[in-house]
């Protein structure tokens, strides 16, 4: 069964639908799906330097969870953010995701792999 998510931006009146990339990142997609099992409100902001994406951060988990960093990203594959394409959602654990709308400009390691497109 194909799993999909909907991300809403109420103040903009916009919704995004995405399908999980379970063949590429099955474990990370399961983690993402579990973390989003209840709707979450997120703080969304644009990074200062990389362009082409924005970051969504939810309330931190109550218990320790696996979280990716630039030095130690999570997921099967390591990605530079310049390889992420518009429409991809990369998940870093800990209720943090990056939603790509353009082409990021700095070749920095992503904190996690794409989980939805």
N, C-alpha and C. Protein backbone atom coordinates (compact mmCIF):
# COMPACT_ATOMS: atom_id res chain seq x y z
N UNK A 1 0.83 -1.17 0.00
CA UNK A 1 0.00 0.00 0.00
C UNK A 1 0.89 1.25 0.00
N UNK A 2 0.58 2.18 -0.85
CA UNK A 2 1.32 3.44 -0.92
C UNK A 2 0.83 4.36 0.18
N UNK A 3 1.77 4.90 0.95
CA UNK A 3 1.40 5.84 2.01
C UNK A 3 1.69 7.26 1.53
N UNK A 4 0.79 8.17 1.89
CA UNK A 4 0.97 9.56 1.51
C UNK A 4 0.64 10.46 2.70
N UNK A 5 1.13 11.70 2.61
CA UNK A 5 0.90 12.68 3.67
C UNK A 5 0.35 13.96 3.05
N UNK A 6 -0.26 14.77 3.88
CA UNK A 6 -0.72 16.10 3.48
C UNK A 6 -0.13 17.10 4.46
N UNK A 7 0.48 18.15 3.92
CA UNK A 7 1.03 19.22 4.73
C UNK A 7 0.21 20.46 4.42
N UNK A 8 -0.33 21.07 5.47
CA UNK A 8 -1.19 22.25 5.30
C UNK A 8 -0.47 23.50 5.79
N UNK A 9 -0.71 24.59 5.08
CA UNK A 9 -0.24 25.92 5.47
C UNK A 9 -1.49 26.78 5.60
N UNK A 10 -2.15 26.73 6.78
CA UNK A 10 -3.45 27.41 6.94
C UNK A 10 -3.42 28.89 6.63
N UNK A 11 -2.36 29.58 7.01
CA UNK A 11 -2.33 31.03 6.77
C UNK A 11 -2.21 31.35 5.29
N UNK A 12 -1.74 30.40 4.49
CA UNK A 12 -1.64 30.59 3.05
C UNK A 12 -2.80 29.95 2.29
N UNK A 13 -3.58 29.12 2.99
CA UNK A 13 -4.66 28.41 2.32
C UNK A 13 -4.14 27.39 1.33
N UNK A 14 -2.98 26.77 1.65
CA UNK A 14 -2.33 25.85 0.73
C UNK A 14 -2.13 24.49 1.37
N UNK A 15 -2.26 23.43 0.56
CA UNK A 15 -1.98 22.07 1.01
C UNK A 15 -1.02 21.42 0.02
N UNK A 16 -0.10 20.62 0.56
CA UNK A 16 0.83 19.84 -0.27
C UNK A 16 0.57 18.37 0.01
N UNK A 17 0.53 17.58 -1.03
CA UNK A 17 0.41 16.13 -0.88
C UNK A 17 1.71 15.50 -1.36
N UNK A 18 2.16 14.47 -0.65
CA UNK A 18 3.40 13.79 -1.01
C UNK A 18 3.26 12.30 -0.74
N UNK A 19 3.96 11.51 -1.53
CA UNK A 19 3.99 10.06 -1.38
C UNK A 19 5.31 9.66 -0.75
N UNK A 20 5.25 8.75 0.22
CA UNK A 20 6.48 8.31 0.88
C UNK A 20 7.35 7.49 -0.08
N UNK A 21 8.64 7.67 0.02
CA UNK A 21 9.63 6.98 -0.82
C UNK A 21 10.11 5.71 -0.10
N UNK A 22 9.19 4.79 0.10
CA UNK A 22 9.46 3.61 0.93
C UNK A 22 10.45 2.63 0.32
N UNK A 23 10.59 2.61 -0.99
CA UNK A 23 11.57 1.70 -1.62
C UNK A 23 12.99 2.19 -1.35
N UNK A 24 13.19 3.50 -1.31
CA UNK A 24 14.52 4.06 -1.11
C UNK A 24 14.93 4.12 0.35
N UNK A 25 14.00 4.46 1.22
CA UNK A 25 14.29 4.68 2.65
C UNK A 25 13.20 4.05 3.53
N UNK A 26 13.09 2.71 3.53
CA UNK A 26 11.99 2.09 4.28
C UNK A 26 12.02 2.37 5.79
N UNK A 27 13.18 2.30 6.41
CA UNK A 27 13.26 2.52 7.86
C UNK A 27 12.97 3.98 8.21
N UNK A 28 13.55 4.89 7.45
CA UNK A 28 13.34 6.32 7.71
C UNK A 28 11.89 6.71 7.44
N UNK A 29 11.28 6.13 6.41
CA UNK A 29 9.86 6.40 6.13
C UNK A 29 8.98 5.89 7.27
N UNK A 30 9.32 4.71 7.82
CA UNK A 30 8.55 4.20 8.97
C UNK A 30 8.68 5.14 10.16
N UNK A 31 9.88 5.64 10.40
CA UNK A 31 10.11 6.57 11.50
C UNK A 31 9.31 7.86 11.28
N UNK A 32 9.35 8.38 10.06
CA UNK A 32 8.62 9.59 9.69
C UNK A 32 7.12 9.38 9.88
N UNK A 33 6.61 8.26 9.39
CA UNK A 33 5.18 7.94 9.49
C UNK A 33 4.74 7.86 10.95
N UNK A 34 5.56 7.20 11.76
CA UNK A 34 5.25 7.08 13.19
C UNK A 34 5.26 8.45 13.86
N UNK A 35 6.26 9.27 13.54
CA UNK A 35 6.35 10.60 14.14
C UNK A 35 5.18 11.49 13.75
N UNK A 36 4.61 11.23 12.57
CA UNK A 36 3.47 12.03 12.11
C UNK A 36 2.14 11.32 12.33
N UNK A 37 2.11 10.32 13.21
CA UNK A 37 0.87 9.56 13.43
C UNK A 37 -0.25 10.44 14.00
N UNK A 38 0.12 11.52 14.65
CA UNK A 38 -0.86 12.51 15.07
C UNK A 38 -0.49 13.83 14.39
N UNK A 39 -1.47 14.61 13.99
CA UNK A 39 -1.16 15.89 13.33
C UNK A 39 -0.27 16.75 14.23
N UNK A 40 0.65 17.46 13.60
CA UNK A 40 1.57 18.32 14.34
C UNK A 40 1.56 19.73 13.79
N UNK A 41 1.69 20.68 14.68
CA UNK A 41 1.91 22.06 14.26
C UNK A 41 3.42 22.25 14.24
N UNK A 42 3.90 22.94 13.23
CA UNK A 42 5.33 23.16 13.09
C UNK A 42 5.65 24.63 12.90
N UNK A 43 6.80 25.00 13.39
CA UNK A 43 7.37 26.31 13.13
C UNK A 43 8.15 26.17 11.82
N UNK A 44 7.87 27.02 10.86
CA UNK A 44 8.52 26.93 9.55
C UNK A 44 9.37 28.16 9.34
N UNK A 45 10.60 27.95 8.88
CA UNK A 45 11.48 29.08 8.59
C UNK A 45 12.37 28.76 7.40
N UNK A 46 12.87 29.80 6.81
CA UNK A 46 13.76 29.68 5.66
C UNK A 46 15.19 29.81 6.16
N UNK A 47 16.11 28.95 5.69
CA UNK A 47 17.51 29.12 6.10
C UNK A 47 18.08 30.41 5.51
N UNK A 48 19.07 30.95 6.14
CA UNK A 48 19.64 32.22 5.70
C UNK A 48 20.48 32.11 4.44
N UNK A 49 21.10 30.96 4.20
CA UNK A 49 22.08 30.94 3.12
C UNK A 49 21.85 29.92 2.02
N UNK A 50 21.15 28.83 2.29
CA UNK A 50 21.11 27.76 1.30
C UNK A 50 20.08 27.95 0.20
N UNK A 51 19.02 28.69 0.45
CA UNK A 51 18.00 28.94 -0.57
C UNK A 51 17.28 27.67 -1.02
N UNK A 52 16.14 27.83 -1.67
CA UNK A 52 15.45 26.73 -2.32
C UNK A 52 14.75 25.73 -1.42
N UNK A 53 14.77 25.94 -0.11
CA UNK A 53 14.07 25.03 0.79
C UNK A 53 13.68 25.77 2.05
N UNK A 54 12.77 25.19 2.79
CA UNK A 54 12.47 25.73 4.11
C UNK A 54 12.41 24.58 5.09
N UNK A 55 12.56 24.90 6.36
CA UNK A 55 12.67 23.91 7.42
C UNK A 55 11.41 23.98 8.28
N UNK A 56 10.86 22.82 8.59
CA UNK A 56 9.73 22.71 9.51
C UNK A 56 10.19 21.99 10.76
N UNK A 57 9.94 22.59 11.91
CA UNK A 57 10.32 21.98 13.18
C UNK A 57 9.10 21.88 14.07
N UNK A 58 8.82 20.66 14.51
CA UNK A 58 7.73 20.42 15.43
C UNK A 58 8.22 20.48 16.87
N UNK A 59 7.32 20.27 17.78
CA UNK A 59 7.67 20.21 19.19
C UNK A 59 8.65 19.06 19.39
N UNK A 60 9.73 19.27 20.14
CA UNK A 60 10.70 18.18 20.35
C UNK A 60 10.03 16.97 21.01
N UNK A 61 10.48 15.78 20.65
CA UNK A 61 9.93 14.57 21.27
C UNK A 61 10.17 14.55 22.78
N UNK A 62 9.30 13.85 23.51
CA UNK A 62 9.44 13.76 24.96
C UNK A 62 10.57 12.82 25.37
N UNK A 63 10.85 11.83 24.52
CA UNK A 63 11.87 10.83 24.83
C UNK A 63 12.98 10.91 23.77
N UNK A 64 14.17 10.43 24.09
CA UNK A 64 15.26 10.47 23.12
C UNK A 64 14.91 9.72 21.84
N UNK A 65 15.25 10.32 20.70
CA UNK A 65 15.03 9.70 19.40
C UNK A 65 16.28 9.89 18.55
N UNK A 66 16.37 9.12 17.50
CA UNK A 66 17.48 9.25 16.57
C UNK A 66 17.29 10.53 15.74
N UNK A 67 18.32 11.36 15.70
CA UNK A 67 18.27 12.63 14.98
C UNK A 67 19.52 12.75 14.12
N UNK A 68 19.35 13.20 12.88
CA UNK A 68 20.48 13.38 11.99
C UNK A 68 21.10 14.76 12.12
N UNK A 69 22.38 14.83 11.82
CA UNK A 69 23.12 16.08 11.78
C UNK A 69 23.88 16.12 10.46
N UNK A 70 24.51 17.25 10.16
CA UNK A 70 25.33 17.30 8.95
C UNK A 70 26.50 16.33 9.05
N UNK A 71 27.04 16.16 10.24
CA UNK A 71 28.16 15.24 10.42
C UNK A 71 27.71 13.78 10.39
N UNK A 72 26.53 13.49 10.91
CA UNK A 72 26.02 12.12 10.99
C UNK A 72 24.55 12.09 10.57
N UNK A 73 24.28 12.20 9.25
CA UNK A 73 22.89 12.19 8.79
C UNK A 73 22.24 10.82 9.00
N UNK A 74 20.90 10.81 9.05
CA UNK A 74 20.20 9.54 9.16
C UNK A 74 19.65 9.16 7.79
N UNK A 75 19.42 7.88 7.61
CA UNK A 75 18.93 7.36 6.34
C UNK A 75 19.96 6.46 5.69
N UNK A 76 19.54 5.72 4.69
CA UNK A 76 20.44 4.80 3.99
C UNK A 76 21.47 5.52 3.13
N UNK A 77 21.06 6.63 2.54
CA UNK A 77 21.95 7.37 1.64
C UNK A 77 22.31 8.71 2.23
N UNK A 78 23.49 9.16 1.92
CA UNK A 78 23.94 10.50 2.32
C UNK A 78 23.67 11.44 1.14
N UNK A 79 23.12 12.63 1.45
CA UNK A 79 22.76 13.59 0.41
C UNK A 79 23.41 14.93 0.68
N UNK A 80 23.82 15.59 -0.37
CA UNK A 80 24.13 17.02 -0.29
C UNK A 80 22.82 17.74 -0.58
N UNK A 81 22.57 18.85 0.10
CA UNK A 81 21.28 19.52 -0.14
C UNK A 81 21.16 20.05 -1.56
N UNK A 82 22.27 20.24 -2.26
CA UNK A 82 22.20 20.67 -3.65
C UNK A 82 21.67 19.57 -4.57
N UNK A 83 21.63 18.32 -4.10
CA UNK A 83 21.07 17.22 -4.89
C UNK A 83 19.57 17.07 -4.68
N UNK A 84 19.03 17.71 -3.66
CA UNK A 84 17.59 17.63 -3.41
C UNK A 84 16.85 18.41 -4.50
N UNK A 85 15.76 17.84 -4.97
CA UNK A 85 15.01 18.47 -6.06
C UNK A 85 13.67 19.03 -5.54
N UNK A 86 13.14 20.01 -6.25
CA UNK A 86 11.85 20.58 -5.84
C UNK A 86 10.80 19.49 -5.65
N UNK A 87 10.07 19.59 -4.55
CA UNK A 87 9.03 18.63 -4.23
C UNK A 87 9.47 17.58 -3.22
N UNK A 88 10.77 17.44 -2.99
CA UNK A 88 11.25 16.45 -2.03
C UNK A 88 11.07 16.94 -0.60
N UNK A 89 10.84 16.00 0.29
CA UNK A 89 10.80 16.27 1.73
C UNK A 89 11.86 15.39 2.37
N UNK A 90 12.85 16.00 2.98
CA UNK A 90 13.91 15.26 3.67
C UNK A 90 13.62 15.29 5.16
N UNK A 91 13.82 14.14 5.82
CA UNK A 91 13.51 14.04 7.24
C UNK A 91 14.78 13.80 8.03
N UNK A 92 14.94 14.55 9.12
CA UNK A 92 16.13 14.45 9.96
C UNK A 92 15.83 13.86 11.33
N UNK A 93 14.61 13.36 11.55
CA UNK A 93 14.23 12.86 12.87
C UNK A 93 13.88 14.00 13.80
N UNK A 94 13.40 13.65 14.97
CA UNK A 94 13.10 14.68 15.96
C UNK A 94 12.08 15.71 15.52
N UNK A 95 11.15 15.31 14.64
CA UNK A 95 10.11 16.20 14.13
C UNK A 95 10.67 17.39 13.35
N UNK A 96 11.75 17.16 12.59
CA UNK A 96 12.35 18.20 11.76
C UNK A 96 12.41 17.72 10.31
N UNK A 97 11.91 18.55 9.41
CA UNK A 97 11.95 18.21 7.99
C UNK A 97 12.35 19.42 7.16
N UNK A 98 12.84 19.13 5.98
CA UNK A 98 13.16 20.16 5.00
C UNK A 98 12.29 19.92 3.78
N UNK A 99 11.60 20.96 3.36
CA UNK A 99 10.74 20.88 2.19
C UNK A 99 11.38 21.71 1.09
N UNK A 100 11.66 21.07 -0.02
CA UNK A 100 12.40 21.71 -1.10
C UNK A 100 11.42 22.28 -2.13
N UNK A 101 11.57 23.58 -2.44
CA UNK A 101 10.70 24.21 -3.43
C UNK A 101 11.49 24.73 -4.62
N UNK A 102 12.78 24.81 -4.51
CA UNK A 102 13.64 25.29 -5.59
C UNK A 102 14.93 24.50 -5.61
N UNK A 103 16.01 25.17 -5.90
CA UNK A 103 17.30 24.48 -5.94
C UNK A 103 18.24 25.09 -4.90
N UNK A 104 18.52 24.33 -3.82
CA UNK A 104 19.45 24.84 -2.81
C UNK A 104 20.81 25.14 -3.44
N UNK A 105 21.50 26.13 -2.88
CA UNK A 105 22.71 26.64 -3.51
C UNK A 105 24.02 26.24 -2.83
N UNK A 106 23.99 25.76 -1.60
CA UNK A 106 25.22 25.41 -0.92
C UNK A 106 25.35 23.90 -0.80
N UNK A 107 26.53 23.38 -1.13
CA UNK A 107 26.77 21.94 -1.11
C UNK A 107 27.07 21.45 0.31
N UNK A 108 26.08 21.56 1.18
CA UNK A 108 26.20 21.09 2.57
C UNK A 108 25.52 19.74 2.71
N UNK A 109 25.99 18.90 3.63
CA UNK A 109 25.31 17.62 3.86
C UNK A 109 23.92 17.85 4.42
N UNK A 110 22.96 17.08 3.91
CA UNK A 110 21.60 17.12 4.47
C UNK A 110 21.59 16.34 5.77
N UNK A 111 20.72 16.71 6.70
CA UNK A 111 20.63 16.04 8.00
C UNK A 111 19.95 14.68 7.89
N UNK A 112 19.22 14.48 6.81
CA UNK A 112 18.52 13.22 6.59
C UNK A 112 18.17 13.06 5.12
N UNK A 113 17.74 11.88 4.76
CA UNK A 113 17.41 11.54 3.37
C UNK A 113 15.99 11.95 3.03
N UNK A 114 15.72 12.07 1.72
CA UNK A 114 14.34 12.31 1.30
C UNK A 114 13.44 11.15 1.68
N UNK A 115 12.26 11.45 2.22
CA UNK A 115 11.29 10.43 2.60
C UNK A 115 10.00 10.55 1.81
N UNK A 116 9.80 11.66 1.13
CA UNK A 116 8.56 11.86 0.38
C UNK A 116 8.82 12.79 -0.81
N UNK A 117 7.97 12.63 -1.79
CA UNK A 117 8.09 13.43 -3.01
C UNK A 117 6.70 13.71 -3.56
